[in-house]
C-alpha atoms as a PDB file:
ATOM      1  CA  MET A   1      -1.900 -28.070 -34.556  1.00  0.00           C
ATOM      2  CA  CYS A   2      -1.700 -31.179 -36.745  1.00  0.00           C
ATOM      3  CA  ALA A   3      -5.453 -31.115 -37.412  1.00  0.00           C
ATOM      4  CA  THR A   4      -5.640 -27.309 -37.919  1.00  0.00           C
ATOM      5  CA  PRO A   5      -2.161 -25.762 -38.949  1.00  0.00           C
ATOM      6  CA  ILE A   6      -1.477 -22.265 -37.511  1.00  0.00           C
ATOM      7  CA  ILE A   7      -0.439 -19.959 -40.266  1.00  0.00           C
ATOM      8  CA  ILE A   8       1.411 -16.901 -39.133  1.00  0.00           C
ATOM      9  CA  ASP A   9       1.531 -13.973 -41.631  1.00  0.00           C
ATOM     10  CA  GLU A  10       4.974 -13.384 -43.086  1.00  0.00           C
ATOM     11  CA  THR A  11       4.856  -9.691 -42.116  1.00  0.00           C
ATOM     12  CA  LYS A  12       4.558 -10.498 -38.524  1.00  0.00           C
ATOM     13  CA  LEU A  13       7.484 -13.049 -38.647  1.00  0.00           C
ATOM     14  CA  ALA A  14       9.567 -10.358 -40.440  1.00  0.00           C
ATOM     15  CA  ARG A  15       9.012  -7.956 -37.570  1.00  0.00           C
ATOM     16  CA  ILE A  16      10.480 -10.237 -34.945  1.00  0.00           C
ATOM     17  CA  LYS A  17      13.505  -8.467 -33.302  1.00  0.00           C
ATOM     18  CA  SER A  18      14.401 -11.068 -30.664  1.00  0.00           C
ATOM     19  CA  ARG A  19      16.986 -13.700 -31.103  1.00  0.00           C
ATOM     20  CA  VAL A  20      15.310 -16.937 -32.190  1.00  0.00           C
ATOM     21  CA  LEU A  21      16.561 -20.428 -32.188  1.00  0.00           C
ATOM     22  CA  ILE A  22      14.564 -22.875 -34.290  1.00  0.00           C
ATOM     23  CA  LEU A  23      15.082 -26.543 -33.408  1.00  0.00           C
ATOM     24  CA  GLN A  24      13.891 -29.569 -35.200  1.00  0.00           C
ATOM     25  CA  GLY A  25      14.696 -33.309 -35.002  1.00  0.00           C
ATOM     26  CA  ASP A  26      15.950 -34.963 -38.204  1.00  0.00           C
ATOM     27  CA  SER A  27      13.061 -37.454 -37.785  1.00  0.00           C
ATOM     28  CA  ASP A  28      10.464 -34.822 -36.903  1.00  0.00           C
ATOM     29  CA  ILE A  29       6.929 -35.089 -38.002  1.00  0.00           C
ATOM     30  CA  VAL A  30       7.146 -31.416 -39.157  1.00  0.00           C
ATOM     31  CA  LYS A  31       8.472 -31.197 -42.753  1.00  0.00           C
ATOM     32  CA  PRO A  32      12.011 -29.876 -43.000  1.00  0.00           C
ATOM     33  CA  GLU A  33      10.831 -27.540 -45.780  1.00  0.00           C
ATOM     34  CA  HIS A  34       8.405 -25.778 -43.285  1.00  0.00           C
ATOM     35  CA  THR A  35      11.144 -25.275 -40.716  1.00  0.00           C
ATOM     36  CA  VAL A  36      13.684 -23.897 -43.211  1.00  0.00           C
ATOM     37  CA  ASP A  37      10.981 -21.578 -44.476  1.00  0.00           C
ATOM     38  CA  LEU A  38      10.185 -20.360 -41.041  1.00  0.00           C
ATOM     39  CA  HIS A  39      14.037 -19.781 -40.524  1.00  0.00           C
ATOM     40  CA  HIS A  40      14.231 -17.693 -43.631  1.00  0.00           C
ATOM     41  CA  LYS A  41      11.226 -15.640 -42.644  1.00  0.00           C
ATOM     42  CA  ILE A  42      12.519 -14.784 -39.151  1.00  0.00           C
ATOM     43  CA  ARG A  43      15.444 -12.590 -40.036  1.00  0.00           C
ATOM     44  CA  GLY A  44      18.663 -13.446 -38.134  1.00  0.00           C
ATOM     45  CA  SER A  45      17.176 -16.627 -36.603  1.00  0.00           C
ATOM     46  CA  GLN A  46      19.354 -19.650 -35.942  1.00  0.00           C
ATOM     47  CA  LEU A  47      18.339 -23.086 -37.240  1.00  0.00           C
ATOM     48  CA  CYS A  48      19.537 -26.371 -35.711  1.00  0.00           C
ATOM     49  CA  ILE A  49      18.457 -29.783 -36.892  1.00  0.00           C
ATOM     50  CA  ILE A  50      19.103 -32.332 -34.195  1.00  0.00           C
ATOM     51  CA  PRO A  51      20.305 -35.800 -35.331  1.00  0.00           C
ATOM     52  CA  ALA A  52      18.621 -38.942 -34.047  1.00  0.00           C
ATOM     53  CA  ALA A  53      15.594 -36.971 -32.730  1.00  0.00           C
ATOM     54  CA  SER A  54      11.934 -36.640 -33.495  1.00  0.00           C
ATOM     55  CA  HIS A  55       9.490 -33.964 -32.311  1.00  0.00           C
ATOM     56  CA  PHE A  56      10.377 -34.954 -28.704  1.00  0.00           C
ATOM     57  CA  ILE A  57      13.934 -33.681 -28.606  1.00  0.00           C
ATOM     58  CA  MET A  58      13.712 -32.802 -24.993  1.00  0.00           C
ATOM     59  CA  TYR A  59      13.102 -36.385 -24.053  1.00  0.00           C
ATOM     60  CA  GLU A  60      15.297 -38.021 -26.722  1.00  0.00           C
ATOM     61  CA  ARG A  61      18.441 -35.819 -26.583  1.00  0.00           C
ATOM     62  CA  PRO A  62      18.155 -33.756 -23.366  1.00  0.00           C
ATOM     63  CA  GLU A  63      21.919 -33.287 -22.938  1.00  0.00           C
ATOM     64  CA  LEU A  64      22.551 -32.092 -26.423  1.00  0.00           C
ATOM     65  CA  LEU A  65      19.410 -29.858 -26.393  1.00  0.00           C
ATOM     66  CA  SER A  66      20.665 -28.311 -23.052  1.00  0.00           C
ATOM     67  CA  THR A  67      24.175 -27.697 -24.600  1.00  0.00           C
ATOM     68  CA  ILE A  68      22.723 -25.993 -27.674  1.00  0.00           C
ATOM     69  CA  VAL A  69      20.250 -23.797 -25.808  1.00  0.00           C
ATOM     70  CA  VAL A  70      22.930 -22.732 -23.225  1.00  0.00           C
ATOM     71  CA  GLU A  71      25.306 -22.009 -26.011  1.00  0.00           C
ATOM     72  CA  PHE A  72      22.758 -19.960 -27.969  1.00  0.00           C
ATOM     73  CA  PHE A  73      21.768 -17.850 -24.910  1.00  0.00           C
ATOM     74  CA  SER A  74      25.263 -17.292 -23.534  1.00  0.00           C
ATOM     75  CA  ARG A  75      27.088 -16.148 -26.726  1.00  0.00           C
ATOM     76  CA  GLU A  76      26.876 -13.015 -28.673  1.00  0.00           C
ATOM     77  CA  PRO A  77      24.605 -13.458 -31.703  1.00  0.00           C
ATOM     78  CA  LYS A  78      27.298 -13.135 -34.297  1.00  0.00           C
ATOM     79  CA  LEU A  79      29.662 -15.438 -32.381  1.00  0.00           C
ATOM     80  CA  PHE A  80      27.300 -18.419 -32.050  1.00  0.00           C
ATOM     81  CA  ASP A  81      28.867 -21.348 -33.876  1.00  0.00           C
ATOM     82  CA  PHE A  82      27.482 -24.832 -33.965  1.00  0.00           C
ATOM     83  CA  HIS A  83      30.830 -26.163 -34.899  1.00  0.00           C
ATOM     84  CA  ASN A  84      31.889 -25.992 -31.210  1.00  0.00           C
ATOM     85  CA  LEU A  85      29.348 -28.573 -30.232  1.00  0.00           C
ATOM     86  CA  GLY A  86      31.265 -31.591 -31.384  1.00  0.00           C
ATOM     87  CA  HIS A  87      32.192 -33.734 -34.320  1.00  0.00           C
ATOM     88  CA  TRP A  88      28.619 -34.522 -35.303  1.00  0.00           C
ATOM     89  CA  ALA A  89      27.820 -30.825 -35.889  1.00  0.00           C
ATOM     90  CA  ARG A  90      30.907 -30.399 -38.118  1.00  0.00           C
ATOM     91  CA  TRP A  91      30.024 -33.436 -40.107  1.00  0.00           C
ATOM     92  CA  ARG A  92      26.450 -32.366 -40.508  1.00  0.00           C
ATOM     93  CA  TYR A  93      27.393 -28.762 -41.415  1.00  0.00           C
ATOM     94  CA  GLU A  94      30.195 -29.563 -43.727  1.00  0.00           C
ATOM     95  CA  GLY A  95      28.599 -32.605 -45.292  1.00  0.00           C
END
């Protein structure tokens, strides 16, 4: 994908009806602008930037990733709140 980027048509992204969680490490090789753009194009998606992680979140932050994924799939969509994940999430969200 790095050599040949995959471009998905915006109209296809807009038709996604499933719940979507988009994860990215704060030191990821993927540009944050790309991830935020994807988040905006998939209506109702959740975006989570994982601190102290690259593109290999599952190896670098497995416990945190597990907590986030379980939280995402076990909550009602409107009730999902990253604030409940701990002090780092509040700091990151509230600045």
